[in-house]
Amino acid sequence: SPPGGDFSDPVTAATLSIVQVFWGLDKKLAQRKHFPSLNWLISYTKYMRVLEPFFNNIDEEYAFLRNTAREILQTEDSLSEIVQLVGKESLSEDQKVVMEIAKILREDFLQQNAFTDFDYTCPLNKSIGMLKTIITLYTCCQKAIQDSPADQKVTWAQIKTAFGGPADTPNGIIQKVIDTKFIMPKDPDMDAKYRTLCEEILMGFQNFTD
């Protein structure tokens, strides 16, 4: 970090232009014991365009998943001031979904515990699998709200009632998505488990909206 946080400093600017990557450490995240304490809103890499074919070769939805997750976190940041002033109830139903999914992204996807067997390392296929289940849940929630008739609008409360049960119950889809981080990094069935959960989410919402 540059002295006084001055990014206009010539040495700092020259360094950033060479490395093309910036990891922004966040004191507030560190105080909350959020590891790694990197601010996802200000951190960036300029190598993504070069690396995108590699990631898309691993999973063709990678770019979509990454961009959607970033949009959710950015929208949450812009809505947080409104929530602090007048509360969550002032938000529209689609905005409530954004806030809830952003919480899952922050606390269960981005935050890691290096002292556990399941989270000390996270291979790329696990990261993609976790992200795919979270974004599948998000898109299904938003579609259910958008496609519902105006006089019978689906609400986040209804979605949470329908899918917010314990993970070992048929209506425990939200908790199952949260629990995807507990899959062991070397589990040979990891990819299949993520695919199965995505299919379960899609089927669950299809039955919910029928």
N, C-alpha and C. Protein backbone atom coordinates (compact mmCIF):
# COMPACT_ATOMS: atom_id res chain seq x y z
N SER A 1 0.85 -1.18 0.00
CA SER A 1 0.00 0.00 0.00
C SER A 1 0.89 1.24 0.00
N PRO A 2 0.60 2.24 -0.85
CA PRO A 2 1.44 3.43 -0.91
C PRO A 2 1.32 4.28 0.35
N PRO A 3 2.34 5.08 0.66
CA PRO A 3 2.29 5.94 1.84
C PRO A 3 1.07 6.86 1.81
N GLY A 4 0.28 6.81 2.88
CA GLY A 4 -0.91 7.66 2.95
C GLY A 4 -2.01 7.25 2.00
N GLY A 5 -1.87 6.09 1.37
CA GLY A 5 -2.90 5.63 0.43
C GLY A 5 -2.98 6.46 -0.83
N ASP A 6 -1.89 7.11 -1.20
CA ASP A 6 -1.87 7.99 -2.38
C ASP A 6 -1.48 7.20 -3.62
N PHE A 7 -2.50 6.85 -4.43
CA PHE A 7 -2.24 6.05 -5.62
C PHE A 7 -1.77 6.89 -6.81
N SER A 8 -1.77 8.22 -6.63
CA SER A 8 -1.27 9.09 -7.69
C SER A 8 0.25 9.26 -7.61
N ASP A 9 0.85 8.71 -6.56
CA ASP A 9 2.30 8.77 -6.41
C ASP A 9 2.96 8.15 -7.65
N PRO A 10 3.95 8.81 -8.25
CA PRO A 10 4.56 8.32 -9.50
C PRO A 10 5.09 6.89 -9.41
N VAL A 11 5.74 6.55 -8.30
CA VAL A 11 6.28 5.20 -8.14
C VAL A 11 5.15 4.18 -8.10
N THR A 12 4.09 4.51 -7.34
CA THR A 12 2.93 3.61 -7.23
C THR A 12 2.26 3.44 -8.58
N ALA A 13 2.04 4.54 -9.29
CA ALA A 13 1.39 4.49 -10.60
C ALA A 13 2.21 3.68 -11.59
N ALA A 14 3.53 3.85 -11.56
CA ALA A 14 4.41 3.09 -12.47
C ALA A 14 4.38 1.61 -12.14
N THR A 15 4.37 1.29 -10.84
CA THR A 15 4.32 -0.12 -10.42
C THR A 15 3.03 -0.79 -10.87
N LEU A 16 1.90 -0.09 -10.68
CA LEU A 16 0.61 -0.65 -11.09
C LEU A 16 0.55 -0.85 -12.60
N SER A 17 1.15 0.05 -13.36
CA SER A 17 1.12 -0.08 -14.82
C SER A 17 1.95 -1.27 -15.29
N ILE A 18 2.91 -1.68 -14.48
CA ILE A 18 3.76 -2.82 -14.84
C ILE A 18 3.11 -4.14 -14.41
N VAL A 19 2.67 -4.22 -13.16
CA VAL A 19 2.15 -5.49 -12.64
C VAL A 19 0.74 -5.77 -13.13
N GLN A 20 -0.05 -4.71 -13.44
CA GLN A 20 -1.40 -4.86 -14.00
C GLN A 20 -2.38 -5.56 -13.06
N VAL A 21 -2.02 -5.66 -11.79
CA VAL A 21 -2.87 -6.32 -10.80
C VAL A 21 -2.85 -5.51 -9.52
N PHE A 22 -4.00 -5.42 -8.85
CA PHE A 22 -4.04 -4.72 -7.57
C PHE A 22 -4.92 -5.49 -6.59
N TRP A 23 -4.36 -5.83 -5.45
CA TRP A 23 -5.11 -6.45 -4.35
C TRP A 23 -5.29 -5.40 -3.27
N GLY A 24 -6.52 -4.97 -3.07
CA GLY A 24 -6.80 -3.93 -2.08
C GLY A 24 -7.12 -4.51 -0.72
N LEU A 25 -6.19 -4.41 0.21
CA LEU A 25 -6.44 -4.89 1.57
C LEU A 25 -7.45 -3.98 2.26
N ASP A 26 -8.33 -4.56 3.04
CA ASP A 26 -9.42 -3.82 3.67
C ASP A 26 -9.36 -4.00 5.18
N LYS A 27 -9.15 -2.90 5.89
CA LYS A 27 -9.02 -2.95 7.35
C LYS A 27 -10.31 -3.43 8.01
N LYS A 28 -11.46 -3.02 7.46
CA LYS A 28 -12.75 -3.43 8.05
C LYS A 28 -12.95 -4.93 7.93
N LEU A 29 -12.56 -5.50 6.80
CA LEU A 29 -12.66 -6.96 6.64
C LEU A 29 -11.74 -7.67 7.61
N ALA A 30 -10.53 -7.14 7.79
CA ALA A 30 -9.58 -7.74 8.74
C ALA A 30 -10.12 -7.70 10.16
N GLN A 31 -10.77 -6.60 10.52
CA GLN A 31 -11.35 -6.47 11.86
C GLN A 31 -12.49 -7.46 12.07
N ARG A 32 -13.17 -7.84 10.98
CA ARG A 32 -14.26 -8.82 11.07
C ARG A 32 -13.74 -10.25 10.94
N LYS A 33 -12.42 -10.41 10.91
CA LYS A 33 -11.78 -11.73 10.76
C LYS A 33 -12.14 -12.39 9.44
N HIS A 34 -12.34 -11.56 8.42
CA HIS A 34 -12.64 -12.08 7.09
C HIS A 34 -11.31 -12.33 6.37
N PHE A 35 -11.04 -13.62 6.11
CA PHE A 35 -9.81 -13.99 5.41
C PHE A 35 -10.17 -14.59 4.05
N PRO A 36 -9.53 -14.17 2.96
CA PRO A 36 -8.53 -13.09 2.88
C PRO A 36 -9.21 -11.72 2.94
N SER A 37 -8.51 -10.74 3.53
CA SER A 37 -9.09 -9.41 3.74
C SER A 37 -8.89 -8.52 2.52
N LEU A 38 -9.36 -9.00 1.38
CA LEU A 38 -9.23 -8.26 0.12
C LEU A 38 -10.58 -7.65 -0.26
N ASN A 39 -10.57 -6.38 -0.54
CA ASN A 39 -11.79 -5.69 -0.95
C ASN A 39 -12.08 -6.03 -2.40
N TRP A 40 -13.17 -6.75 -2.64
CA TRP A 40 -13.50 -7.24 -3.98
C TRP A 40 -14.01 -6.12 -4.88
N LEU A 41 -14.33 -4.95 -4.32
CA LEU A 41 -14.84 -3.84 -5.12
C LEU A 41 -13.71 -3.00 -5.72
N ILE A 42 -12.55 -2.98 -5.09
CA ILE A 42 -11.45 -2.15 -5.60
C ILE A 42 -10.30 -2.98 -6.16
N SER A 43 -10.24 -4.27 -5.84
CA SER A 43 -9.18 -5.13 -6.38
C SER A 43 -9.47 -5.44 -7.85
N TYR A 44 -8.42 -5.62 -8.63
CA TYR A 44 -8.64 -5.89 -10.05
C TYR A 44 -7.41 -6.56 -10.67
N THR A 45 -7.63 -7.13 -11.85
CA THR A 45 -6.54 -7.62 -12.69
C THR A 45 -6.84 -7.22 -14.12
N LYS A 46 -5.81 -6.85 -14.85
CA LYS A 46 -5.97 -6.51 -16.26
C LYS A 46 -5.59 -7.68 -17.17
N TYR A 47 -5.38 -8.85 -16.55
CA TYR A 47 -5.03 -10.04 -17.31
C TYR A 47 -6.25 -10.90 -17.65
N MET A 48 -7.45 -10.46 -17.20
CA MET A 48 -8.61 -11.32 -17.35
C MET A 48 -8.91 -11.63 -18.81
N ARG A 49 -8.77 -10.65 -19.69
CA ARG A 49 -9.06 -10.90 -21.11
C ARG A 49 -8.12 -11.96 -21.68
N VAL A 50 -6.87 -11.95 -21.24
CA VAL A 50 -5.89 -12.93 -21.71
C VAL A 50 -6.19 -14.31 -21.14
N LEU A 51 -6.62 -14.35 -19.87
CA LEU A 51 -6.84 -15.62 -19.18
C LEU A 51 -8.22 -16.21 -19.43
N GLU A 52 -9.15 -15.40 -19.94
CA GLU A 52 -10.53 -15.86 -20.08
C GLU A 52 -10.67 -17.12 -20.92
N PRO A 53 -9.98 -17.26 -22.05
CA PRO A 53 -10.09 -18.52 -22.81
C PRO A 53 -9.69 -19.74 -21.99
N PHE A 54 -8.67 -19.59 -21.14
CA PHE A 54 -8.24 -20.70 -20.28
C PHE A 54 -9.36 -21.10 -19.33
N PHE A 55 -9.96 -20.11 -18.65
CA PHE A 55 -11.02 -20.40 -17.70
C PHE A 55 -12.27 -20.94 -18.40
N ASN A 56 -12.60 -20.37 -19.56
CA ASN A 56 -13.78 -20.83 -20.28
C ASN A 56 -13.58 -22.23 -20.85
N ASN A 57 -12.33 -22.63 -21.05
CA ASN A 57 -12.05 -23.99 -21.49
C ASN A 57 -12.33 -25.00 -20.38
N ILE A 58 -12.17 -24.55 -19.13
CA ILE A 58 -12.48 -25.40 -17.98
C ILE A 58 -13.99 -25.46 -17.78
N ASP A 59 -14.65 -24.30 -17.90
CA ASP A 59 -16.12 -24.25 -17.81
C ASP A 59 -16.59 -23.09 -18.68
N GLU A 60 -17.43 -23.39 -19.66
CA GLU A 60 -17.85 -22.36 -20.62
C GLU A 60 -18.68 -21.25 -19.99
N GLU A 61 -19.20 -21.47 -18.78
CA GLU A 61 -19.99 -20.45 -18.12
C GLU A 61 -19.16 -19.58 -17.18
N TYR A 62 -17.85 -19.79 -17.16
CA TYR A 62 -17.01 -19.10 -16.17
C TYR A 62 -17.17 -17.58 -16.23
N ALA A 63 -17.07 -17.00 -17.42
CA ALA A 63 -17.14 -15.54 -17.55
C ALA A 63 -18.49 -15.02 -17.06
N PHE A 64 -19.56 -15.72 -17.43
CA PHE A 64 -20.90 -15.32 -16.98
C PHE A 64 -21.01 -15.39 -15.46
N LEU A 65 -20.51 -16.46 -14.87
CA LEU A 65 -20.58 -16.63 -13.42
C LEU A 65 -19.80 -15.53 -12.70
N ARG A 66 -18.59 -15.27 -13.18
CA ARG A 66 -17.75 -14.24 -12.55
C ARG A 66 -18.39 -12.86 -12.65
N ASN A 67 -18.88 -12.52 -13.84
CA ASN A 67 -19.47 -11.20 -14.05
C ASN A 67 -20.75 -11.02 -13.24
N THR A 68 -21.55 -12.08 -13.15
CA THR A 68 -22.80 -11.99 -12.38
C THR A 68 -22.50 -11.81 -10.90
N ALA A 69 -21.53 -12.56 -10.39
CA ALA A 69 -21.15 -12.43 -8.97
C ALA A 69 -20.65 -11.02 -8.68
N ARG A 70 -19.85 -10.48 -9.58
CA ARG A 70 -19.32 -9.13 -9.40
C ARG A 70 -20.45 -8.10 -9.39
N GLU A 71 -21.42 -8.26 -10.30
CA GLU A 71 -22.56 -7.34 -10.36
C GLU A 71 -23.38 -7.40 -9.08
N ILE A 72 -23.57 -8.61 -8.54
CA ILE A 72 -24.33 -8.77 -7.30
C ILE A 72 -23.64 -8.02 -6.16
N LEU A 73 -22.34 -8.19 -6.03
CA LEU A 73 -21.59 -7.54 -4.95
C LEU A 73 -21.56 -6.03 -5.12
N GLN A 74 -21.46 -5.55 -6.35
CA GLN A 74 -21.48 -4.11 -6.60
C GLN A 74 -22.85 -3.52 -6.29
N THR A 75 -23.91 -4.24 -6.67
CA THR A 75 -25.26 -3.76 -6.39
C THR A 75 -25.53 -3.75 -4.89
N GLU A 76 -25.05 -4.78 -4.19
CA GLU A 76 -25.21 -4.81 -2.74
C GLU A 76 -24.56 -3.59 -2.10
N ASP A 77 -23.39 -3.23 -2.57
CA ASP A 77 -22.68 -2.08 -2.01
C ASP A 77 -23.48 -0.79 -2.21
N SER A 78 -24.10 -0.64 -3.39
CA SER A 78 -24.88 0.57 -3.66
C SER A 78 -26.19 0.59 -2.88
N LEU A 79 -26.71 -0.60 -2.53
CA LEU A 79 -27.97 -0.67 -1.78
C LEU A 79 -27.76 -0.60 -0.27
N SER A 80 -26.55 -0.85 0.18
CA SER A 80 -26.30 -0.94 1.63
C SER A 80 -26.62 0.36 2.36
N GLU A 81 -26.39 1.50 1.72
CA GLU A 81 -26.69 2.79 2.36
C GLU A 81 -28.19 2.95 2.56
N ILE A 82 -28.98 2.53 1.56
CA ILE A 82 -30.44 2.59 1.68
C ILE A 82 -30.90 1.70 2.82
N VAL A 83 -30.34 0.50 2.91
CA VAL A 83 -30.72 -0.45 3.96
C VAL A 83 -30.40 0.13 5.34
N GLN A 84 -29.25 0.76 5.47
CA GLN A 84 -28.87 1.35 6.76
C GLN A 84 -29.80 2.49 7.16
N LEU A 85 -30.29 3.23 6.18
CA LEU A 85 -31.15 4.39 6.48
C LEU A 85 -32.59 4.00 6.76
N VAL A 86 -33.16 3.15 5.92
CA VAL A 86 -34.60 2.85 6.04
C VAL A 86 -34.92 1.37 6.20
N GLY A 87 -33.92 0.49 6.20
CA GLY A 87 -34.15 -0.93 6.43
C GLY A 87 -34.39 -1.72 5.16
N LYS A 88 -34.28 -3.05 5.27
CA LYS A 88 -34.43 -3.94 4.11
C LYS A 88 -35.83 -3.94 3.53
N GLU A 89 -36.83 -3.65 4.36
CA GLU A 89 -38.21 -3.72 3.89
C GLU A 89 -38.51 -2.68 2.82
N SER A 90 -37.65 -1.66 2.71
CA SER A 90 -37.86 -0.64 1.69
C SER A 90 -37.41 -1.11 0.30
N LEU A 91 -36.70 -2.22 0.25
CA LEU A 91 -36.19 -2.74 -1.02
C LEU A 91 -37.27 -3.48 -1.79
N SER A 92 -37.12 -3.50 -3.11
CA SER A 92 -37.99 -4.33 -3.94
C SER A 92 -37.59 -5.79 -3.75
N GLU A 93 -38.44 -6.70 -4.21
CA GLU A 93 -38.18 -8.13 -4.00
C GLU A 93 -36.90 -8.59 -4.70
N ASP A 94 -36.67 -8.09 -5.91
CA ASP A 94 -35.45 -8.49 -6.61
C ASP A 94 -34.21 -7.95 -5.91
N GLN A 95 -34.33 -6.78 -5.28
CA GLN A 95 -33.20 -6.22 -4.52
C GLN A 95 -32.94 -7.02 -3.24
N LYS A 96 -34.01 -7.54 -2.63
CA LYS A 96 -33.84 -8.39 -1.45
C LYS A 96 -33.07 -9.66 -1.81
N VAL A 97 -33.35 -10.20 -2.99
CA VAL A 97 -32.62 -11.38 -3.46
C VAL A 97 -31.13 -11.04 -3.63
N VAL A 98 -30.85 -9.88 -4.21
CA VAL A 98 -29.46 -9.44 -4.38
C VAL A 98 -28.74 -9.41 -3.03
N MET A 99 -29.38 -8.82 -2.02
CA MET A 99 -28.75 -8.70 -0.70
C MET A 99 -28.49 -10.06 -0.08
N GLU A 100 -29.43 -10.98 -0.22
CA GLU A 100 -29.28 -12.31 0.39
C GLU A 100 -28.21 -13.13 -0.33
N ILE A 101 -28.20 -13.07 -1.66
CA ILE A 101 -27.20 -13.84 -2.41
C ILE A 101 -25.81 -13.23 -2.21
N ALA A 102 -25.74 -11.90 -2.11
CA ALA A 102 -24.46 -11.24 -1.84
C ALA A 102 -23.90 -11.69 -0.50
N LYS A 103 -24.77 -11.89 0.47
CA LYS A 103 -24.32 -12.37 1.79
C LYS A 103 -23.71 -13.76 1.67
N ILE A 104 -24.33 -14.63 0.87
CA ILE A 104 -23.78 -15.97 0.65
C ILE A 104 -22.42 -15.87 -0.05
N LEU A 105 -22.33 -15.00 -1.04
CA LEU A 105 -21.06 -14.83 -1.75
C LEU A 105 -19.96 -14.36 -0.80
N ARG A 106 -20.28 -13.40 0.05
CA ARG A 106 -19.28 -12.84 0.96
C ARG A 106 -18.84 -13.83 2.03
N GLU A 107 -19.84 -14.42 2.69
CA GLU A 107 -19.56 -15.21 3.89
C GLU A 107 -19.23 -16.67 3.61
N ASP A 108 -19.72 -17.20 2.49
CA ASP A 108 -19.54 -18.63 2.24
C ASP A 108 -18.69 -18.95 1.01
N PHE A 109 -18.54 -17.98 0.12
CA PHE A 109 -17.70 -18.20 -1.06
C PHE A 109 -16.36 -17.49 -0.94
N LEU A 110 -16.38 -16.20 -0.65
CA LEU A 110 -15.14 -15.42 -0.61
C LEU A 110 -14.35 -15.63 0.68
N GLN A 111 -15.05 -15.83 1.79
CA GLN A 111 -14.36 -15.99 3.07
C GLN A 111 -13.87 -17.43 3.23
N GLN A 112 -12.62 -17.59 3.66
CA GLN A 112 -12.03 -18.91 3.84
C GLN A 112 -11.49 -19.08 5.25
N ASN A 113 -11.49 -20.33 5.70
CA ASN A 113 -10.89 -20.68 6.99
C ASN A 113 -9.73 -21.62 6.73
N ALA A 114 -8.52 -21.10 6.84
CA ALA A 114 -7.32 -21.88 6.49
C ALA A 114 -7.03 -23.00 7.48
N PHE A 115 -7.76 -23.06 8.59
CA PHE A 115 -7.50 -24.07 9.62
C PHE A 115 -8.46 -25.25 9.54
N THR A 116 -9.18 -25.38 8.42
CA THR A 116 -10.12 -26.49 8.26
C THR A 116 -9.69 -27.36 7.09
N ASP A 117 -10.09 -28.64 7.13
CA ASP A 117 -9.75 -29.57 6.06
C ASP A 117 -10.45 -29.22 4.75
N PHE A 118 -11.65 -28.65 4.85
CA PHE A 118 -12.45 -28.39 3.66
C PHE A 118 -12.13 -27.05 3.01
N ASP A 119 -11.45 -26.15 3.74
CA ASP A 119 -11.31 -24.77 3.25
C ASP A 119 -9.88 -24.26 3.22
N TYR A 120 -8.91 -25.10 3.61
CA TYR A 120 -7.52 -24.62 3.64
C TYR A 120 -7.00 -24.37 2.23
N THR A 121 -7.61 -25.04 1.26
CA THR A 121 -7.29 -24.81 -0.14
C THR A 121 -8.57 -24.96 -0.94
N CYS A 122 -8.63 -24.29 -2.07
CA CYS A 122 -9.85 -24.36 -2.88
C CYS A 122 -9.46 -24.47 -4.35
N PRO A 123 -9.44 -25.70 -4.90
CA PRO A 123 -9.09 -25.87 -6.31
C PRO A 123 -10.08 -25.15 -7.21
N LEU A 124 -9.66 -24.85 -8.42
CA LEU A 124 -10.48 -24.06 -9.33
C LEU A 124 -11.82 -24.71 -9.60
N ASN A 125 -11.85 -26.04 -9.76
CA ASN A 125 -13.13 -26.68 -10.06
C ASN A 125 -14.10 -26.58 -8.89
N LYS A 126 -13.58 -26.53 -7.66
CA LYS A 126 -14.47 -26.32 -6.51
C LYS A 126 -15.00 -24.90 -6.51
N SER A 127 -14.14 -23.92 -6.80
CA SER A 127 -14.58 -22.52 -6.85
C SER A 127 -15.68 -22.35 -7.90
N ILE A 128 -15.47 -22.94 -9.08
CA ILE A 128 -16.46 -22.82 -10.14
C ILE A 128 -17.75 -23.54 -9.76
N GLY A 129 -17.63 -24.72 -9.15
CA GLY A 129 -18.82 -25.47 -8.73
C GLY A 129 -19.64 -24.72 -7.70
N MET A 130 -18.96 -24.17 -6.69
CA MET A 130 -19.66 -23.38 -5.68
C MET A 130 -20.34 -22.17 -6.31
N LEU A 131 -19.61 -21.46 -7.16
CA LEU A 131 -20.15 -20.26 -7.78
C LEU A 131 -21.35 -20.59 -8.67
N LYS A 132 -21.27 -21.73 -9.34
CA LYS A 132 -22.37 -22.12 -10.23
C LYS A 132 -23.65 -22.39 -9.44
N THR A 133 -23.54 -23.04 -8.29
CA THR A 133 -24.74 -23.30 -7.48
C THR A 133 -25.32 -21.99 -6.94
N ILE A 134 -24.45 -21.07 -6.52
CA ILE A 134 -24.93 -19.78 -5.98
C ILE A 134 -25.62 -18.97 -7.07
N ILE A 135 -25.01 -18.88 -8.25
CA ILE A 135 -25.59 -18.08 -9.33
C ILE A 135 -26.84 -18.75 -9.90
N THR A 136 -26.88 -20.08 -9.90
CA THR A 136 -28.10 -20.78 -10.32
C THR A 136 -29.24 -20.44 -9.38
N LEU A 137 -28.99 -20.44 -8.08
CA LEU A 137 -30.00 -20.04 -7.10
C LEU A 137 -30.44 -18.61 -7.35
N TYR A 138 -29.49 -17.73 -7.60
CA TYR A 138 -29.80 -16.31 -7.83
C TYR A 138 -30.68 -16.12 -9.06
N THR A 139 -30.29 -16.73 -10.19
CA THR A 139 -31.06 -16.55 -11.43
C THR A 139 -32.46 -17.15 -11.31
N CYS A 140 -32.57 -18.27 -10.60
CA CYS A 140 -33.89 -18.88 -10.40
C CYS A 140 -34.79 -18.00 -9.54
N CYS A 141 -34.22 -17.41 -8.50
CA CYS A 141 -34.99 -16.49 -7.64
C CYS A 141 -35.48 -15.29 -8.45
N GLN A 142 -34.58 -14.69 -9.20
CA GLN A 142 -34.95 -13.50 -9.98
C GLN A 142 -35.98 -13.84 -11.05
N LYS A 143 -35.84 -14.99 -11.69
CA LYS A 143 -36.80 -15.40 -12.73
C LYS A 143 -38.17 -15.64 -12.13
N ALA A 144 -38.20 -16.28 -10.95
CA ALA A 144 -39.48 -16.55 -10.29
C ALA A 144 -40.20 -15.25 -9.96
N ILE A 145 -39.46 -14.24 -9.52
CA ILE A 145 -40.06 -12.94 -9.19
C ILE A 145 -40.51 -12.21 -10.45
N GLN A 146 -39.65 -12.17 -11.46
CA GLN A 146 -39.96 -11.42 -12.68
C GLN A 146 -41.11 -12.04 -13.47
N ASP A 147 -41.21 -13.37 -13.48
CA ASP A 147 -42.23 -14.04 -14.27
C ASP A 147 -43.58 -14.15 -13.57
N SER A 148 -43.63 -13.82 -12.28
CA SER A 148 -44.90 -13.93 -11.55
C SER A 148 -45.83 -12.78 -11.93
N PRO A 149 -47.15 -13.03 -11.96
CA PRO A 149 -48.11 -11.96 -12.32
C PRO A 149 -48.10 -10.83 -11.30
N ALA A 150 -48.46 -9.64 -11.76
CA ALA A 150 -48.39 -8.44 -10.91
C ALA A 150 -49.28 -8.55 -9.68
N ASP A 151 -50.43 -9.23 -9.81
CA ASP A 151 -51.35 -9.33 -8.67
C ASP A 151 -50.99 -10.47 -7.72
N GLN A 152 -50.03 -11.31 -8.12
CA GLN A 152 -49.57 -12.40 -7.26
C GLN A 152 -48.04 -12.48 -7.30
N LYS A 153 -47.41 -11.37 -7.03
CA LYS A 153 -45.96 -11.27 -7.16
C LYS A 153 -45.27 -12.18 -6.14
N VAL A 154 -44.34 -12.99 -6.64
CA VAL A 154 -43.54 -13.83 -5.75
C VAL A 154 -42.61 -12.94 -4.93
N THR A 155 -42.49 -13.23 -3.65
CA THR A 155 -41.63 -12.44 -2.76
C THR A 155 -40.44 -13.27 -2.29
N TRP A 156 -39.41 -12.57 -1.79
CA TRP A 156 -38.27 -13.28 -1.22
C TRP A 156 -38.71 -14.10 -0.01
N ALA A 157 -39.66 -13.58 0.76
CA ALA A 157 -40.15 -14.31 1.94
C ALA A 157 -40.76 -15.65 1.53
N GLN A 158 -41.50 -15.66 0.43
CA GLN A 158 -42.10 -16.91 -0.05
C GLN A 158 -41.02 -17.89 -0.51
N ILE A 159 -40.01 -17.37 -1.20
CA ILE A 159 -38.91 -18.22 -1.66
C ILE A 159 -38.18 -18.81 -0.46
N LYS A 160 -37.93 -17.99 0.55
CA LYS A 160 -37.21 -18.46 1.74
C LYS A 160 -38.03 -19.50 2.49
N THR A 161 -39.34 -19.32 2.52
CA THR A 161 -40.21 -20.31 3.17
C THR A 161 -40.18 -21.63 2.42
N ALA A 162 -40.18 -21.54 1.08
CA ALA A 162 -40.22 -22.75 0.25
C ALA A 162 -38.90 -23.50 0.24
N PHE A 163 -37.77 -22.78 0.35
CA PHE A 163 -36.46 -23.42 0.16
C PHE A 163 -35.50 -23.19 1.32
N GLY A 164 -35.97 -22.62 2.42
CA GLY A 164 -35.06 -22.27 3.51
C GLY A 164 -35.01 -23.25 4.65
N GLY A 165 -35.37 -24.51 4.41
CA GLY A 165 -35.35 -25.52 5.46
C GLY A 165 -33.95 -26.06 5.71
N PRO A 166 -33.82 -27.01 6.65
CA PRO A 166 -32.51 -27.65 6.89
C PRO A 166 -32.01 -28.37 5.64
N ALA A 167 -30.70 -28.52 5.53
CA ALA A 167 -30.09 -29.09 4.33
C ALA A 167 -30.52 -30.53 4.06
N ASP A 168 -30.90 -31.26 5.11
CA ASP A 168 -31.26 -32.67 4.93
C ASP A 168 -32.75 -32.86 4.65
N THR A 169 -33.45 -31.78 4.30
CA THR A 169 -34.88 -31.87 3.97
C THR A 169 -35.08 -31.47 2.51
N PRO A 170 -36.21 -31.89 1.91
CA PRO A 170 -36.45 -31.56 0.49
C PRO A 170 -36.49 -30.06 0.21
N ASN A 171 -36.89 -29.25 1.20
CA ASN A 171 -36.97 -27.80 0.97
C ASN A 171 -35.75 -27.05 1.51
N GLY A 172 -34.61 -27.75 1.61
CA GLY A 172 -33.41 -27.14 2.16
C GLY A 172 -32.40 -26.67 1.13
N ILE A 173 -32.88 -26.22 -0.03
CA ILE A 173 -31.98 -25.87 -1.13
C ILE A 173 -31.03 -24.73 -0.76
N ILE A 174 -31.53 -23.69 -0.10
CA ILE A 174 -30.67 -22.55 0.24
C ILE A 174 -29.52 -23.00 1.15
N GLN A 175 -29.84 -23.82 2.15
CA GLN A 175 -28.80 -24.29 3.06
C GLN A 175 -27.82 -25.22 2.35
N LYS A 176 -28.32 -26.01 1.40
CA LYS A 176 -27.42 -26.87 0.63
C LYS A 176 -26.42 -26.05 -0.18
N VAL A 177 -26.88 -24.93 -0.73
CA VAL A 177 -25.98 -24.04 -1.47
C VAL A 177 -24.92 -23.47 -0.52
N ILE A 178 -25.33 -23.04 0.66
CA ILE A 178 -24.39 -22.52 1.66
C ILE A 178 -23.38 -23.59 2.06
N ASP A 179 -23.85 -24.83 2.17
CA ASP A 179 -22.99 -25.92 2.64
C ASP A 179 -22.04 -26.47 1.57
N THR A 180 -22.10 -25.95 0.35
CA THR A 180 -21.22 -26.48 -0.70
C THR A 180 -19.75 -26.27 -0.36
N LYS A 181 -19.45 -25.30 0.48
CA LYS A 181 -18.04 -25.06 0.84
C LYS A 181 -17.47 -26.20 1.69
N PHE A 182 -18.35 -27.02 2.29
CA PHE A 182 -17.89 -28.10 3.16
C PHE A 182 -17.48 -29.35 2.39
N ILE A 183 -17.67 -29.34 1.07
CA ILE A 183 -17.21 -30.47 0.26
C ILE A 183 -15.67 -30.46 0.26
N MET A 184 -15.09 -31.61 0.51
CA MET A 184 -13.63 -31.71 0.62
C MET A 184 -12.96 -31.43 -0.73
N PRO A 185 -11.84 -30.71 -0.73
CA PRO A 185 -11.16 -30.34 -1.99
C PRO A 185 -10.74 -31.54 -2.84
N LYS A 186 -10.48 -32.69 -2.20
CA LYS A 186 -10.03 -33.86 -2.95
C LYS A 186 -11.13 -34.90 -3.15
N ASP A 187 -12.37 -34.51 -2.90
CA ASP A 187 -13.50 -35.42 -3.09
C ASP A 187 -13.61 -35.76 -4.58
N PRO A 188 -13.49 -37.05 -4.95
CA PRO A 188 -13.54 -37.41 -6.37
C PRO A 188 -14.91 -37.17 -7.00
N ASP A 189 -15.96 -37.08 -6.16
CA ASP A 189 -17.31 -36.86 -6.67
C ASP A 189 -17.73 -35.39 -6.59
N MET A 190 -16.78 -34.50 -6.37
CA MET A 190 -17.10 -33.09 -6.14
C MET A 190 -17.88 -32.48 -7.31
N ASP A 191 -17.39 -32.64 -8.52
CA ASP A 191 -18.05 -32.04 -9.69
C ASP A 191 -19.47 -32.57 -9.85
N ALA A 192 -19.65 -33.87 -9.63
CA ALA A 192 -20.97 -34.48 -9.75
C ALA A 192 -21.93 -33.92 -8.70
N LYS A 193 -21.43 -33.68 -7.50
CA LYS A 193 -22.27 -33.14 -6.42
C LYS A 193 -22.76 -31.74 -6.77
N TYR A 194 -21.89 -30.92 -7.35
CA TYR A 194 -22.30 -29.57 -7.74
C TYR A 194 -23.32 -29.62 -8.88
N ARG A 195 -23.10 -30.50 -9.85
CA ARG A 195 -24.05 -30.63 -10.96
C ARG A 195 -25.41 -31.08 -10.44
N THR A 196 -25.41 -32.05 -9.53
CA THR A 196 -26.66 -32.56 -8.98
C THR A 196 -27.42 -31.47 -8.24
N LEU A 197 -26.71 -30.65 -7.48
CA LEU A 197 -27.37 -29.58 -6.73
C LEU A 197 -27.95 -28.53 -7.68
N CYS A 198 -27.23 -28.19 -8.74
CA CYS A 198 -27.77 -27.24 -9.72
C CYS A 198 -29.06 -27.77 -10.34
N GLU A 199 -29.08 -29.07 -10.67
CA GLU A 199 -30.28 -29.68 -11.22
C GLU A 199 -31.42 -29.66 -10.21
N GLU A 200 -31.08 -29.88 -8.93
CA GLU A 200 -32.09 -29.86 -7.87
C GLU A 200 -32.69 -28.46 -7.71
N ILE A 201 -31.84 -27.45 -7.83
CA ILE A 201 -32.32 -26.06 -7.73
C ILE A 201 -33.29 -25.76 -8.88
N LEU A 202 -32.89 -26.11 -10.09
CA LEU A 202 -33.73 -25.86 -11.26
C LEU A 202 -35.06 -26.58 -11.16
N MET A 203 -35.02 -27.85 -10.75
CA MET A 203 -36.25 -28.63 -10.60
C MET A 203 -37.13 -28.07 -9.49
N GLY A 204 -36.51 -27.68 -8.38
CA GLY A 204 -37.27 -27.13 -7.27
C GLY A 204 -38.01 -25.87 -7.64
N PHE A 205 -37.37 -24.98 -8.38
CA PHE A 205 -38.02 -23.73 -8.78
C PHE A 205 -39.06 -23.97 -9.86
N GLN A 206 -38.84 -24.98 -10.70
CA GLN A 206 -39.84 -25.30 -11.71
C GLN A 206 -41.14 -25.75 -11.03
N ASN A 207 -41.01 -26.58 -10.00
CA ASN A 207 -42.19 -27.02 -9.25
C ASN A 207 -42.80 -25.86 -8.46
N PHE A 208 -41.96 -24.96 -7.97
CA PHE A 208 -42.42 -23.82 -7.17
C PHE A 208 -43.27 -22.86 -8.00
N THR A 209 -42.89 -22.67 -9.25
CA THR A 209 -43.60 -21.69 -10.09
C THR A 209 -44.75 -22.30 -10.89
N ASP A 210 -44.82 -23.62 -10.96
CA ASP A 210 -45.93 -24.26 -11.70
C ASP A 210 -47.27 -24.08 -10.99
